[in-house]
Amino acid sequence: MLRYALQRISGVIPTLFVIITASFFIIRLAPGGPFDEEQTLPPEIKANLEAAYGLDQPLLVQYGRYMRGLLVGDFGPSFKFKDFSVTELIAQGLPISLTIGLAAVLLAMLVGIPLGALAALRRNTASDYGIMGFAVLGIALPGFVIGPLFALIFGLYLGVLPVAGYESGQPQYLVLPIVTLALPVIAYIARLTRGSLLEVLRSNFVRTARAKGLSPMRVLFRHALRPALLPVVSYLGPATAFVVTGSLVVESVFGLPGTGRYLVQGAINRDYTLVMGMIVVYGAITLLCNLIADLLYGWLDPRVRYE
């Protein structure tokens, strides 16, 4: 297992390096710059600003300076948010995005796996049809529909939860965003668990376990559930990265000060360092989530490690 883990970990850093390098040159070579929208800016002042931020230097020099800063955790200054560095902006919003993203994935696992297992064990019954109907609905409805609907029901009609904003130490502000993010993931996990578990329950080793007189719950938890979770683990890696990094819509609907807005604002304003900072953070999160999924997959299925 250790060798398998080291092989997977050794591929993360080169992949992140390629992502950073490609993103740096693509952003710099794109038309326009961070100060091009300043229509009234005299050429002399614009040249001074570019010199102050090092944008007048050759591209390779800028790249080398940026990579040296990354090695010490410095993402550079923001071109538009002049009172903050990129590191400070990310530090402000990332805890919120990570909290709602990871909580949504945890909720999806705690709800989706039992629902999928229940649907598989009660195949072609009312429970199965109801759970799969819920799953289809959860997949079909996007977050910008579910979020306002929840805010209308639980915030305005029932008045039990706040509908927008965030106050530190007040977890009730995160309930609706977390549930909104978790619903489609719950639906996918339930469908994957049901389909995989039905296939495993038909396998020979499960028939052997039943023939030995083991109880249905013992067969499920000791023999069937572990191999049935392999497709779920494969899905959870990219799903976790997507939920954590793709919560912009939910953050906008509920007025949360997350990091998603910085990526959009940075792209619109051509704020090179802010966009690069978000790409580095999102890329690292995506690679880390997929690494954890690979390690879990290898733990669940030893055949992967030996291959």
Protein backbone atom coordinates (compact mmCIF):
# COMPACT_ATOMS: atom_id res chain seq x y z
CA MET A 1 0.00 0.00 0.00
CA LEU A 2 2.87 2.39 0.79
CA ARG A 3 4.41 1.93 -2.65
CA TYR A 4 1.05 2.51 -4.29
CA ALA A 5 0.55 5.70 -2.23
CA LEU A 6 4.01 7.02 -3.09
CA GLN A 7 3.40 6.41 -6.79
CA ARG A 8 0.18 8.40 -6.67
CA ILE A 9 1.70 11.22 -4.59
CA SER A 10 4.70 11.50 -6.91
CA GLY A 11 2.40 12.43 -9.78
CA VAL A 12 0.68 15.32 -7.97
CA ILE A 13 3.53 17.87 -7.94
CA PRO A 14 4.46 17.57 -11.65
CA THR A 15 0.79 17.84 -12.60
CA LEU A 16 0.34 20.96 -10.47
CA PHE A 17 3.50 22.43 -12.02
CA VAL A 18 2.13 21.90 -15.52
CA ILE A 19 -1.21 23.49 -14.53
CA ILE A 20 0.53 26.56 -13.08
CA THR A 21 2.88 26.98 -16.04
CA ALA A 22 0.21 26.59 -18.71
CA SER A 23 -2.19 28.92 -16.89
CA PHE A 24 0.48 31.59 -16.38
CA PHE A 25 1.40 31.85 -20.05
CA ILE A 26 -2.17 31.54 -21.33
CA ILE A 27 -3.33 34.38 -19.09
CA ARG A 28 -0.38 36.61 -19.96
CA LEU A 29 -0.66 35.96 -23.71
CA ALA A 30 -4.40 36.71 -23.82
CA PRO A 31 -5.32 40.12 -25.28
CA GLY A 32 -5.63 43.01 -22.83
CA GLY A 33 -4.11 43.73 -19.47
CA PRO A 34 -5.08 44.74 -15.94
CA PHE A 35 -4.85 48.47 -16.70
CA ASP A 36 -6.38 48.56 -20.19
CA GLU A 37 -9.86 49.42 -18.92
CA GLU A 38 -8.61 52.65 -17.35
CA GLN A 39 -9.66 54.84 -20.27
CA THR A 40 -8.54 58.11 -18.69
CA LEU A 41 -5.17 56.77 -17.57
CA PRO A 42 -2.29 58.68 -19.21
CA PRO A 43 0.33 56.50 -20.93
CA GLU A 44 3.03 57.64 -18.53
CA ILE A 45 1.04 56.58 -15.46
CA LYS A 46 0.12 53.28 -17.09
CA ALA A 47 3.79 52.61 -17.83
CA ASN A 48 4.69 53.41 -14.21
CA LEU A 49 2.01 51.03 -12.93
CA GLU A 50 3.24 48.23 -15.19
CA ALA A 51 6.81 48.87 -14.03
CA ALA A 52 5.70 48.83 -10.37
CA TYR A 53 4.09 45.42 -10.81
CA GLY A 54 6.88 44.08 -13.04
CA LEU A 55 4.65 43.76 -16.11
CA ASP A 56 7.21 45.58 -18.27
CA GLN A 57 9.73 42.77 -17.85
CA PRO A 58 10.12 39.83 -20.26
CA LEU A 59 7.55 37.08 -19.81
CA LEU A 60 10.09 34.50 -18.68
CA VAL A 61 11.38 36.89 -16.01
CA GLN A 62 7.82 37.42 -14.75
CA TYR A 63 7.30 33.66 -14.68
CA GLY A 64 10.49 33.05 -12.71
CA ARG A 65 9.59 35.74 -10.18
CA TYR A 66 6.09 34.32 -9.76
CA MET A 67 7.34 30.76 -9.23
CA ARG A 68 9.84 31.97 -6.62
CA GLY A 69 7.00 33.67 -4.79
CA LEU A 70 4.89 30.51 -4.87
CA LEU A 71 7.68 28.53 -3.19
CA VAL A 72 7.30 30.75 -0.11
CA GLY A 73 3.49 30.94 -0.29
CA ASP A 74 3.34 34.43 -1.84
CA PHE A 75 0.69 34.78 -4.57
CA GLY A 76 1.61 38.40 -5.19
CA PRO A 77 -0.43 41.63 -4.94
CA SER A 78 -3.86 42.03 -6.45
CA PHE A 79 -4.01 44.55 -9.28
CA LYS A 80 -7.59 45.62 -8.53
CA PHE A 81 -8.02 45.03 -4.78
CA LYS A 82 -5.10 47.30 -3.96
CA ASP A 83 -5.50 47.11 -0.19
CA PHE A 84 -5.14 43.32 -0.15
CA SER A 85 -2.72 40.72 -1.36
CA VAL A 86 -4.00 37.67 -3.21
CA THR A 87 -3.05 35.51 -0.23
CA GLU A 88 -5.22 37.67 2.05
CA LEU A 89 -8.19 37.52 -0.34
CA ILE A 90 -7.98 33.75 -0.60
CA ALA A 91 -7.58 33.42 3.16
CA GLN A 92 -10.78 35.41 3.65
CA GLY A 93 -12.98 33.37 1.31
CA LEU A 94 -11.47 29.88 1.22
CA PRO A 95 -12.60 28.78 4.72
CA ILE A 96 -16.23 29.45 3.76
CA SER A 97 -15.97 27.59 0.45
CA LEU A 98 -14.17 24.64 2.06
CA THR A 99 -16.66 24.47 4.92
CA ILE A 100 -19.78 24.34 2.78
CA GLY A 101 -18.13 22.11 0.17
CA LEU A 102 -16.76 19.47 2.53
CA ALA A 103 -19.90 19.54 4.67
CA ALA A 104 -22.00 19.02 1.53
CA VAL A 105 -19.91 16.01 0.48
CA LEU A 106 -20.08 14.52 3.99
CA LEU A 107 -23.85 14.99 4.06
CA ALA A 108 -24.12 13.44 0.60
CA MET A 109 -22.21 10.35 1.72
CA LEU A 110 -24.19 9.95 4.94
CA VAL A 111 -27.49 10.19 3.06
CA GLY A 112 -26.73 8.90 -0.44
CA ILE A 113 -25.05 5.60 0.46
CA PRO A 114 -27.84 4.39 2.81
CA LEU A 115 -30.50 5.48 0.32
CA GLY A 116 -28.78 3.62 -2.52
CA ALA A 117 -28.32 0.51 -0.38
CA LEU A 118 -31.97 0.63 0.67
CA ALA A 119 -33.10 0.95 -2.94
CA ALA A 120 -30.94 -2.04 -3.94
CA LEU A 121 -32.19 -4.22 -1.09
CA ARG A 122 -35.81 -3.34 -1.91
CA ARG A 123 -35.53 -3.50 -5.65
CA ASN A 124 -38.70 -2.83 -7.66
CA THR A 125 -40.66 -1.76 -4.60
CA ALA A 126 -42.21 1.58 -3.69
CA SER A 127 -39.08 2.48 -1.70
CA ASP A 128 -36.87 1.82 -4.71
CA TYR A 129 -39.04 3.85 -7.06
CA GLY A 130 -39.34 6.71 -4.58
CA ILE A 131 -35.59 6.94 -3.94
CA MET A 132 -34.70 6.78 -7.64
CA GLY A 133 -37.38 9.36 -8.42
CA PHE A 134 -35.82 11.65 -5.83
CA ALA A 135 -32.39 10.99 -7.38
CA VAL A 136 -33.56 11.93 -10.87
CA LEU A 137 -35.14 15.10 -9.49
CA GLY A 138 -31.98 16.02 -7.62
CA ILE A 139 -29.86 15.60 -10.73
CA ALA A 140 -32.26 17.49 -12.98
CA LEU A 141 -32.77 20.60 -10.80
CA PRO A 142 -29.77 22.99 -10.84
CA GLY A 143 -28.52 24.85 -7.81
CA PHE A 144 -29.86 28.23 -8.94
CA VAL A 145 -33.37 26.72 -8.83
CA ILE A 146 -33.06 24.68 -5.62
CA GLY A 147 -31.35 27.48 -3.68
CA PRO A 148 -34.01 30.18 -4.11
CA LEU A 149 -36.73 27.55 -3.57
CA PHE A 150 -35.22 26.55 -0.22
CA ALA A 151 -34.75 30.20 0.72
CA LEU A 152 -38.41 30.88 -0.09
CA ILE A 153 -39.72 27.90 1.90
CA PHE A 154 -37.43 27.78 4.94
CA GLY A 155 -36.48 31.44 5.11
CA LEU A 156 -39.55 33.45 4.11
CA TYR A 157 -42.51 31.13 4.64
CA LEU A 158 -41.35 29.15 7.68
CA GLY A 159 -38.77 31.65 8.97
CA VAL A 160 -36.57 28.99 10.54
CA LEU A 161 -33.31 29.71 8.66
CA PRO A 162 -31.57 32.84 7.33
CA VAL A 163 -31.64 33.20 3.56
CA ALA A 164 -28.52 35.30 2.90
CA GLY A 165 -25.32 36.59 4.42
CA TYR A 166 -22.94 35.05 6.91
CA GLU A 167 -21.90 35.76 10.48
CA SER A 168 -18.92 34.01 12.01
CA GLY A 169 -19.91 31.43 14.57
CA GLN A 170 -23.48 31.21 13.30
CA PRO A 171 -23.77 27.81 11.53
CA GLN A 172 -27.46 28.33 10.68
CA TYR A 173 -26.35 30.59 7.83
CA LEU A 174 -24.66 27.61 6.15
CA VAL A 175 -27.49 25.07 6.42
CA LEU A 176 -29.33 26.00 3.21
CA PRO A 177 -26.14 26.39 1.10
CA ILE A 178 -24.84 23.01 2.29
CA VAL A 179 -28.12 21.21 1.56
CA THR A 180 -28.37 22.91 -1.85
CA LEU A 181 -24.86 21.79 -2.78
CA ALA A 182 -25.38 18.29 -1.39
CA LEU A 183 -28.63 17.40 -3.16
CA PRO A 184 -27.24 16.56 -6.63
CA VAL A 185 -24.31 14.68 -5.06
CA ILE A 186 -26.74 12.68 -2.90
CA ALA A 187 -28.66 11.79 -6.04
CA TYR A 188 -25.58 10.58 -7.93
CA ILE A 189 -24.24 8.61 -4.96
CA ALA A 190 -27.61 6.93 -4.40
CA ARG A 191 -27.81 5.86 -8.04
CA LEU A 192 -24.20 4.62 -8.11
CA THR A 193 -24.61 2.72 -4.82
CA ARG A 194 -27.83 1.07 -5.97
CA GLY A 195 -26.46 -0.06 -9.33
CA SER A 196 -23.15 -1.28 -7.93
CA LEU A 197 -24.72 -3.08 -4.98
CA LEU A 198 -27.22 -4.88 -7.20
CA GLU A 199 -24.34 -6.18 -9.30
CA VAL A 200 -22.33 -7.28 -6.25
CA LEU A 201 -25.32 -9.04 -4.68
CA ARG A 202 -25.49 -11.27 -7.78
CA SER A 203 -21.83 -12.31 -7.54
CA ASN A 204 -20.68 -15.78 -6.55
CA PHE A 205 -18.97 -14.86 -3.28
CA VAL A 206 -22.19 -13.27 -1.99
CA ARG A 207 -24.15 -16.41 -2.92
CA THR A 208 -21.55 -18.44 -1.02
CA ALA A 209 -21.90 -16.21 2.04
CA ARG A 210 -25.65 -16.63 1.96
CA ALA A 211 -25.30 -20.40 1.57
CA LYS A 212 -23.23 -20.47 4.76
CA GLY A 213 -26.25 -19.14 6.63
CA LEU A 214 -25.01 -15.59 7.28
CA SER A 215 -27.67 -13.00 8.07
CA PRO A 216 -28.61 -10.51 5.34
CA MET A 217 -27.09 -7.59 7.30
CA ARG A 218 -23.83 -9.49 7.84
CA VAL A 219 -23.67 -10.32 4.14
CA LEU A 220 -24.30 -6.68 3.29
CA PHE A 221 -21.82 -5.03 5.63
CA ARG A 222 -19.07 -7.64 5.66
CA HIS A 223 -19.07 -8.87 2.07
CA ALA A 224 -21.12 -6.76 -0.33
CA LEU A 225 -20.86 -3.11 0.70
CA ARG A 226 -17.10 -2.69 0.40
CA PRO A 227 -16.77 -3.72 -3.27
CA ALA A 228 -20.04 -1.93 -4.04
CA LEU A 229 -18.51 1.38 -2.90
CA LEU A 230 -15.76 1.33 -5.54
CA PRO A 231 -17.74 3.36 -8.13
CA VAL A 232 -18.82 5.76 -5.37
CA VAL A 233 -15.20 6.38 -4.35
CA SER A 234 -14.23 6.96 -7.98
CA TYR A 235 -17.00 9.54 -8.24
CA LEU A 236 -16.27 11.26 -4.92
CA GLY A 237 -12.80 12.46 -5.95
CA PRO A 238 -13.84 14.78 -8.79
CA ALA A 239 -17.21 15.41 -7.12
CA THR A 240 -15.57 16.80 -3.98
CA ALA A 241 -13.31 19.04 -6.05
CA PHE A 242 -16.27 20.22 -8.10
CA VAL A 243 -18.40 20.97 -5.04
CA VAL A 244 -15.61 22.85 -3.25
CA THR A 245 -14.43 24.83 -6.26
CA GLY A 246 -17.72 25.15 -8.13
CA SER A 247 -19.89 26.67 -5.42
CA LEU A 248 -20.02 30.10 -7.08
CA VAL A 249 -23.74 29.87 -7.88
CA VAL A 250 -24.66 28.81 -4.35
CA GLU A 251 -22.41 31.47 -2.84
CA SER A 252 -24.06 34.10 -5.03
CA VAL A 253 -27.60 32.92 -4.24
CA PHE A 254 -27.04 32.99 -0.48
CA GLY A 255 -24.67 35.97 -0.38
CA LEU A 256 -21.72 34.06 1.08
CA PRO A 257 -18.22 35.64 1.03
CA GLY A 258 -16.53 32.63 -0.57
CA THR A 259 -13.72 32.43 -3.12
CA GLY A 260 -15.81 31.79 -6.22
CA ARG A 261 -16.51 35.49 -6.74
CA TYR A 262 -12.79 36.29 -6.79
CA LEU A 263 -12.17 34.00 -9.75
CA VAL A 264 -14.95 35.64 -11.77
CA GLN A 265 -14.02 39.18 -10.77
CA GLY A 266 -10.35 38.50 -11.43
CA ALA A 267 -11.09 37.17 -14.91
CA ILE A 268 -13.30 40.16 -15.76
CA ASN A 269 -10.75 42.66 -14.44
CA ARG A 270 -7.76 40.81 -15.93
CA ASP A 271 -6.28 40.63 -12.45
CA TYR A 272 -3.47 38.22 -13.34
CA THR A 273 -2.28 37.41 -9.84
CA LEU A 274 -5.78 36.91 -8.44
CA VAL A 275 -6.78 34.54 -11.24
CA MET A 276 -3.50 32.64 -10.90
CA GLY A 277 -3.95 32.38 -7.15
CA MET A 278 -7.41 30.89 -7.56
CA ILE A 279 -6.17 28.48 -10.25
CA VAL A 280 -3.33 27.29 -8.01
CA VAL A 281 -5.64 26.77 -5.02
CA TYR A 282 -8.39 25.10 -7.06
CA GLY A 283 -5.87 22.95 -8.91
CA ALA A 284 -4.28 21.82 -5.64
CA ILE A 285 -7.69 21.00 -4.14
CA THR A 286 -8.70 19.03 -7.24
CA LEU A 287 -5.48 17.02 -7.26
CA LEU A 288 -5.70 16.37 -3.52
CA CYS A 289 -9.29 15.14 -3.76
CA ASN A 290 -8.42 12.79 -6.62
CA LEU A 291 -5.35 11.56 -4.73
CA ILE A 292 -7.48 10.72 -1.69
CA ALA A 293 -9.98 8.95 -3.96
CA ASP A 294 -7.16 6.88 -5.53
CA LEU A 295 -5.82 5.89 -2.12
CA LEU A 296 -9.29 4.90 -0.91
CA TYR A 297 -9.84 2.92 -4.10
CA GLY A 298 -6.57 1.07 -3.53
CA TRP A 299 -7.57 0.32 0.06
CA LEU A 300 -10.99 -0.99 -0.96
CA ASP A 301 -9.67 -3.06 -3.89
CA PRO A 302 -6.17 -4.52 -3.28
CA ARG A 303 -6.01 -5.68 -6.90
CA VAL A 304 -5.45 -2.07 -7.97
CA ARG A 305 -2.33 -1.81 -5.81
CA TYR A 306 -0.79 -4.96 -7.19
CA GLU A 307 -1.46 -4.00 -10.80
